[in-house]
PDB file of all heavy atoms in Angstrom:
ATOM      1  N   GLN A   1       0.844  -1.184   0.000  1.00  0.00           N
ATOM      2  CA  GLN A   1       0.000   0.000   0.000  1.00  0.00           C
ATOM      3  C   GLN A   1       0.886   1.244   0.000  1.00  0.00           C
ATOM      4  O   GLN A   1       1.950   1.259   0.611  1.00  0.00           O
ATOM      5  CB  GLN A   1      -0.924   0.027   1.218  1.00  0.00           C
ATOM      6  CG  GLN A   1      -0.200   0.148   2.551  1.00  0.00           C
ATOM      7  CD  GLN A   1      -1.154   0.210   3.733  1.00  0.00           C
ATOM      8  OE1 GLN A   1      -2.372   0.164   3.550  1.00  0.00           O
ATOM      9  NE2 GLN A   1      -0.606   0.313   4.940  1.00  0.00           N
ATOM     10  N   VAL A   2       0.430   2.268  -0.705  1.00  0.00           N
ATOM     11  CA  VAL A   2       1.100   3.560  -0.670  1.00  0.00           C
ATOM     12  C   VAL A   2       0.372   4.403   0.356  1.00  0.00           C
ATOM     13  O   VAL A   2      -0.777   4.801   0.149  1.00  0.00           O
ATOM     14  CB  VAL A   2       1.100   4.257  -2.043  1.00  0.00           C
ATOM     15  CG1 VAL A   2       1.748   5.630  -1.945  1.00  0.00           C
ATOM     16  CG2 VAL A   2       1.835   3.404  -3.069  1.00  0.00           C
ATOM     17  N   ALA A   3       1.040   4.646   1.484  1.00  0.00           N
ATOM     18  CA  ALA A   3       0.412   5.384   2.578  1.00  0.00           C
ATOM     19  C   ALA A   3       0.742   6.859   2.531  1.00  0.00           C
ATOM     20  O   ALA A   3      -0.038   7.700   2.988  1.00  0.00           O
ATOM     21  CB  ALA A   3       0.842   4.795   3.918  1.00  0.00           C
ATOM     22  N   LYS A   4       1.929   7.204   1.985  1.00  0.00           N
ATOM     23  CA  LYS A   4       2.382   8.590   1.990  1.00  0.00           C
ATOM     24  C   LYS A   4       3.098   8.905   0.689  1.00  0.00           C
ATOM     25  O   LYS A   4       3.757   8.052   0.109  1.00  0.00           O
ATOM     26  CB  LYS A   4       3.317   8.841   3.183  1.00  0.00           C
ATOM     27  CG  LYS A   4       2.669   8.571   4.544  1.00  0.00           C
ATOM     28  CD  LYS A   4       3.628   8.811   5.698  1.00  0.00           C
ATOM     29  CE  LYS A   4       2.931   8.521   7.035  1.00  0.00           C
ATOM     30  NZ  LYS A   4       3.825   8.766   8.189  1.00  0.00           N
ATOM     31  N   VAL A   5       2.975  10.159   0.261  1.00  0.00           N
ATOM     32  CA  VAL A   5       3.656  10.608  -0.961  1.00  0.00           C
ATOM     33  C   VAL A   5       4.281  11.979  -0.711  1.00  0.00           C
ATOM     34  O   VAL A   5       3.887  12.702   0.211  1.00  0.00           O
ATOM     35  CB  VAL A   5       2.687  10.701  -2.162  1.00  0.00           C
ATOM     36  CG1 VAL A   5       2.052   9.356  -2.471  1.00  0.00           C
ATOM     37  CG2 VAL A   5       1.617  11.767  -1.919  1.00  0.00           C
ATOM     38  N   ALA A   6       5.253  12.297  -1.567  1.00  0.00           N
ATOM     39  CA  ALA A   6       5.898  13.612  -1.477  1.00  0.00           C
ATOM     40  C   ALA A   6       6.135  14.162  -2.878  1.00  0.00           C
ATOM     41  O   ALA A   6       6.458  13.413  -3.806  1.00  0.00           O
ATOM     42  CB  ALA A   6       7.230  13.505  -0.733  1.00  0.00           C
ATOM     43  N   ASP A   7       5.969  15.463  -2.994  1.00  0.00           N
ATOM     44  CA  ASP A   7       6.237  16.163  -4.246  1.00  0.00           C
ATOM     45  C   ASP A   7       6.367  17.655  -3.908  1.00  0.00           C
ATOM     46  O   ASP A   7       5.582  18.166  -3.095  1.00  0.00           O
ATOM     47  CB  ASP A   7       5.101  15.949  -5.254  1.00  0.00           C
ATOM     48  CG  ASP A   7       5.479  16.359  -6.668  1.00  0.00           C
ATOM     49  OD1 ASP A   7       5.643  17.582  -6.928  1.00  0.00           O
ATOM     50  OD2 ASP A   7       5.616  15.460  -7.519  1.00  0.00           O
ATOM     51  N   PRO A   8       7.348  18.352  -4.510  1.00  0.00           N
ATOM     52  CA  PRO A   8       7.504  19.778  -4.204  1.00  0.00           C
ATOM     53  C   PRO A   8       6.378  20.651  -4.733  1.00  0.00           C
ATOM     54  O   PRO A   8       6.241  21.804  -4.326  1.00  0.00           O
ATOM     55  CB  PRO A   8       8.840  20.130  -4.849  1.00  0.00           C
ATOM     56  CG  PRO A   8       9.026  19.120  -5.932  1.00  0.00           C
ATOM     57  CD  PRO A   8       8.417  17.864  -5.403  1.00  0.00           C
ATOM     58  N   SER A   9       5.558  20.095  -5.641  1.00  0.00           N
ATOM     59  CA  SER A   9       4.472  20.878  -6.233  1.00  0.00           C
ATOM     60  C   SER A   9       3.185  20.742  -5.417  1.00  0.00           C
ATOM     61  O   SER A   9       2.620  19.649  -5.317  1.00  0.00           O
ATOM     62  CB  SER A   9       4.215  20.416  -7.669  1.00  0.00           C
ATOM     63  OG  SER A   9       3.028  20.990  -8.173  1.00  0.00           O
ATOM     64  N   HIS A  10       2.750  21.861  -4.852  1.00  0.00           N
ATOM     65  CA  HIS A  10       1.500  21.861  -4.090  1.00  0.00           C
ATOM     66  C   HIS A  10       0.320  21.504  -4.998  1.00  0.00           C
ATOM     67  O   HIS A  10      -0.606  20.788  -4.584  1.00  0.00           O
ATOM     68  CB  HIS A  10       1.272  23.230  -3.452  1.00  0.00           C
ATOM     69  CG  HIS A  10      -0.024  23.344  -2.706  1.00  0.00           C
ATOM     70  ND1 HIS A  10      -0.227  22.759  -1.465  1.00  0.00           N
ATOM     71  CD2 HIS A  10      -1.199  23.967  -3.044  1.00  0.00           C
ATOM     72  CE1 HIS A  10      -1.462  23.012  -1.068  1.00  0.00           C
ATOM     73  NE2 HIS A  10      -2.070  23.736  -1.997  1.00  0.00           N
ATOM     74  N   GLN A  11       0.349  21.986  -6.239  1.00  0.00           N
ATOM     75  CA  GLN A  11      -0.743  21.709  -7.168  1.00  0.00           C
ATOM     76  C   GLN A  11      -0.838  20.223  -7.477  1.00  0.00           C
ATOM     77  O   GLN A  11      -1.928  19.648  -7.544  1.00  0.00           O
ATOM     78  CB  GLN A  11      -0.566  22.506  -8.470  1.00  0.00           C
ATOM     79  CG  GLN A  11      -0.761  24.010  -8.335  1.00  0.00           C
ATOM     80  CD  GLN A  11       0.458  24.714  -7.737  1.00  0.00           C
ATOM     81  OE1 GLN A  11       1.513  24.100  -7.535  1.00  0.00           O
ATOM     82  NE2 GLN A  11       0.302  26.007  -7.466  1.00  0.00           N
ATOM     83  N   ALA A  12       0.338  19.580  -7.678  1.00  0.00           N
ATOM     84  CA  ALA A  12       0.345  18.143  -7.964  1.00  0.00           C
ATOM     85  C   ALA A  12      -0.202  17.354  -6.787  1.00  0.00           C
ATOM     86  O   ALA A  12      -0.957  16.381  -6.958  1.00  0.00           O
ATOM     87  CB  ALA A  12       1.767  17.686  -8.303  1.00  0.00           C
ATOM     88  N   LEU A  13       0.155  17.762  -5.572  1.00  0.00           N
ATOM     89  CA  LEU A  13      -0.342  17.076  -4.391  1.00  0.00           C
ATOM     90  C   LEU A  13      -1.845  17.255  -4.236  1.00  0.00           C
ATOM     91  O   LEU A  13      -2.554  16.331  -3.816  1.00  0.00           O
ATOM     92  CB  LEU A  13       0.378  17.597  -3.143  1.00  0.00           C
ATOM     93  CG  LEU A  13       1.866  17.238  -3.011  1.00  0.00           C
ATOM     94  CD1 LEU A  13       2.460  17.915  -1.781  1.00  0.00           C
ATOM     95  CD2 LEU A  13       2.064  15.736  -2.942  1.00  0.00           C
ATOM     96  N   GLN A  14      -2.347  18.424  -4.593  1.00  0.00           N
ATOM     97  CA  GLN A  14      -3.781  18.668  -4.506  1.00  0.00           C
ATOM     98  C   GLN A  14      -4.546  17.790  -5.496  1.00  0.00           C
ATOM     99  O   GLN A  14      -5.590  17.212  -5.163  1.00  0.00           O
ATOM    100  CB  GLN A  14      -4.090  20.143  -4.773  1.00  0.00           C
ATOM    101  CG  GLN A  14      -5.567  20.495  -4.601  1.00  0.00           C
ATOM    102  CD  GLN A  14      -6.067  20.193  -3.202  1.00  0.00           C
ATOM    103  OE1 GLN A  14      -5.507  20.656  -2.214  1.00  0.00           O
ATOM    104  NE2 GLN A  14      -7.123  19.383  -3.100  1.00  0.00           N
ATOM    105  N   ARG A  15      -4.009  17.661  -6.720  1.00  0.00           N
ATOM    106  CA  ARG A  15      -4.654  16.791  -7.703  1.00  0.00           C
ATOM    107  C   ARG A  15      -4.659  15.349  -7.214  1.00  0.00           C
ATOM    108  O   ARG A  15      -5.636  14.622  -7.392  1.00  0.00           O
ATOM    109  CB  ARG A  15      -3.932  16.891  -9.054  1.00  0.00           C
ATOM    110  CG  ARG A  15      -4.148  18.198  -9.793  1.00  0.00           C
ATOM    111  CD  ARG A  15      -3.697  18.100 -11.236  1.00  0.00           C
ATOM    112  NE  ARG A  15      -2.268  17.812 -11.340  1.00  0.00           N
ATOM    113  CZ  ARG A  15      -1.321  18.753 -11.400  1.00  0.00           C
ATOM    114  NH1 ARG A  15      -1.664  20.036 -11.343  1.00  0.00           N
ATOM    115  NH2 ARG A  15      -0.049  18.417 -11.506  1.00  0.00           N
ATOM    116  N   LEU A  16      -3.557  14.939  -6.586  1.00  0.00           N
ATOM    117  CA  LEU A  16      -3.475  13.574  -6.077  1.00  0.00           C
ATOM    118  C   LEU A  16      -4.467  13.354  -4.944  1.00  0.00           C
ATOM    119  O   LEU A  16      -5.118  12.301  -4.857  1.00  0.00           O
ATOM    120  CB  LEU A  16      -2.061  13.268  -5.585  1.00  0.00           C
ATOM    121  CG  LEU A  16      -1.863  11.815  -5.159  1.00  0.00           C
ATOM    122  CD1 LEU A  16      -1.563  10.960  -6.380  1.00  0.00           C
ATOM    123  CD2 LEU A  16      -0.753  11.670  -4.146  1.00  0.00           C
ATOM    124  N   ALA A  17      -4.598  14.343  -4.055  1.00  0.00           N
ATOM    125  CA  ALA A  17      -5.523  14.226  -2.926  1.00  0.00           C
ATOM    126  C   ALA A  17      -6.957  14.055  -3.402  1.00  0.00           C
ATOM    127  O   ALA A  17      -7.756  13.353  -2.763  1.00  0.00           O
ATOM    128  CB  ALA A  17      -5.393  15.446  -2.024  1.00  0.00           C
ATOM    129  N   ASP A  18      -7.302  14.674  -4.516  1.00  0.00           N
ATOM    130  CA  ASP A  18      -8.641  14.523  -5.067  1.00  0.00           C
ATOM    131  C   ASP A  18      -8.887  13.081  -5.519  1.00  0.00           C
ATOM    132  O   ASP A  18     -10.016  12.582  -5.451  1.00  0.00           O
ATOM    133  CB  ASP A  18      -8.839  15.476  -6.249  1.00  0.00           C
ATOM    134  CG  ASP A  18      -8.824  16.933  -5.817  1.00  0.00           C
ATOM    135  OD1 ASP A  18      -9.061  17.197  -4.619  1.00  0.00           O
ATOM    136  OD2 ASP A  18      -8.543  17.802  -6.675  1.00  0.00           O
ATOM    137  N   ARG A  19      -7.822  12.422  -5.986  1.00  0.00           N
ATOM    138  CA  ARG A  19      -7.948  11.048  -6.499  1.00  0.00           C
ATOM    139  C   ARG A  19      -7.753  10.007  -5.398  1.00  0.00           C
ATOM    140  O   ARG A  19      -8.427   8.973  -5.387  1.00  0.00           O
ATOM    141  CB  ARG A  19      -6.918  10.834  -7.618  1.00  0.00           C
ATOM    142  CG  ARG A  19      -6.958   9.466  -8.259  1.00  0.00           C
ATOM    143  CD  ARG A  19      -6.020   9.406  -9.449  1.00  0.00           C
ATOM    144  NE  ARG A  19      -5.889   8.057  -9.979  1.00  0.00           N
ATOM    145  CZ  ARG A  19      -5.081   7.715 -10.969  1.00  0.00           C
ATOM    146  NH1 ARG A  19      -4.326   8.638 -11.553  1.00  0.00           N
ATOM    147  NH2 ARG A  19      -5.021   6.471 -11.391  1.00  0.00           N
ATOM    148  N   PHE A  20      -6.818  10.279  -4.484  1.00  0.00           N
ATOM    149  CA  PHE A  20      -6.521   9.349  -3.390  1.00  0.00           C
ATOM    150  C   PHE A  20      -6.620  10.110  -2.060  1.00  0.00           C
ATOM    151  O   PHE A  20      -5.603  10.446  -1.451  1.00  0.00           O
ATOM    152  CB  PHE A  20      -5.116   8.757  -3.546  1.00  0.00           C
ATOM    153  CG  PHE A  20      -4.882   8.011  -4.830  1.00  0.00           C
ATOM    154  CD1 PHE A  20      -4.197   8.608  -5.886  1.00  0.00           C
ATOM    155  CD2 PHE A  20      -5.339   6.710  -4.988  1.00  0.00           C
ATOM    156  CE1 PHE A  20      -3.963   7.919  -7.063  1.00  0.00           C
ATOM    157  CE2 PHE A  20      -5.117   6.014  -6.164  1.00  0.00           C
ATOM    158  CZ  PHE A  20      -4.431   6.620  -7.206  1.00  0.00           C
ATOM    159  N   PRO A  21      -7.808  10.378  -1.586  1.00  0.00           N
ATOM    160  CA  PRO A  21      -7.970  11.236  -0.403  1.00  0.00           C
ATOM    161  C   PRO A  21      -7.393  10.655   0.885  1.00  0.00           C
ATOM    162  O   PRO A  21      -7.115  11.403   1.820  1.00  0.00           O
ATOM    163  CB  PRO A  21      -9.493  11.400  -0.300  1.00  0.00           C
ATOM    164  CG  PRO A  21     -10.062  10.250  -1.063  1.00  0.00           C
ATOM    165  CD  PRO A  21      -9.098   9.968  -2.161  1.00  0.00           C
ATOM    166  N   SER A  22      -7.177   9.342   0.943  1.00  0.00           N
ATOM    167  CA  SER A  22      -6.692   8.738   2.187  1.00  0.00           C
ATOM    168  C   SER A  22      -5.167   8.768   2.315  1.00  0.00           C
ATOM    169  O   SER A  22      -4.640   8.443   3.381  1.00  0.00           O
ATOM    170  CB  SER A  22      -7.166   7.279   2.277  1.00  0.00           C
ATOM    171  OG  SER A  22      -6.595   6.507   1.236  1.00  0.00           O
ATOM    172  N   ILE A  23      -4.463   9.171   1.260  1.00  0.00           N
ATOM    173  CA  ILE A  23      -3.001   9.157   1.275  1.00  0.00           C
ATOM    174  C   ILE A  23      -2.478  10.456   1.877  1.00  0.00           C
ATOM    175  O   ILE A  23      -2.886  11.557   1.497  1.00  0.00           O
ATOM    176  CB  ILE A  23      -2.435   8.964  -0.139  1.00  0.00           C
ATOM    177  CG1 ILE A  23      -2.808   7.571  -0.659  1.00  0.00           C
ATOM    178  CG2 ILE A  23      -0.920   9.134  -0.153  1.00  0.00           C
ATOM    179  CD1 ILE A  23      -2.302   7.289  -2.058  1.00  0.00           C
ATOM    180  N   SER A  24      -1.548  10.331   2.804  1.00  0.00           N
ATOM    181  CA  SER A  24      -0.899  11.493   3.419  1.00  0.00           C
ATOM    182  C   SER A  24       0.096  12.109   2.434  1.00  0.00           C
ATOM    183  O   SER A  24       0.821  11.390   1.744  1.00  0.00           O
ATOM    184  CB  SER A  24      -0.166  11.061   4.688  1.00  0.00           C
ATOM    185  OG  SER A  24       0.572  12.131   5.234  1.00  0.00           O
TER     186      SER A  24
END
């Protein structure tokens, strides 16, 4: 399972949160 992710782009993280809301 992917529990956490990192990326310097706030926009990219926001798009990811919309798709995978449970991932930190």
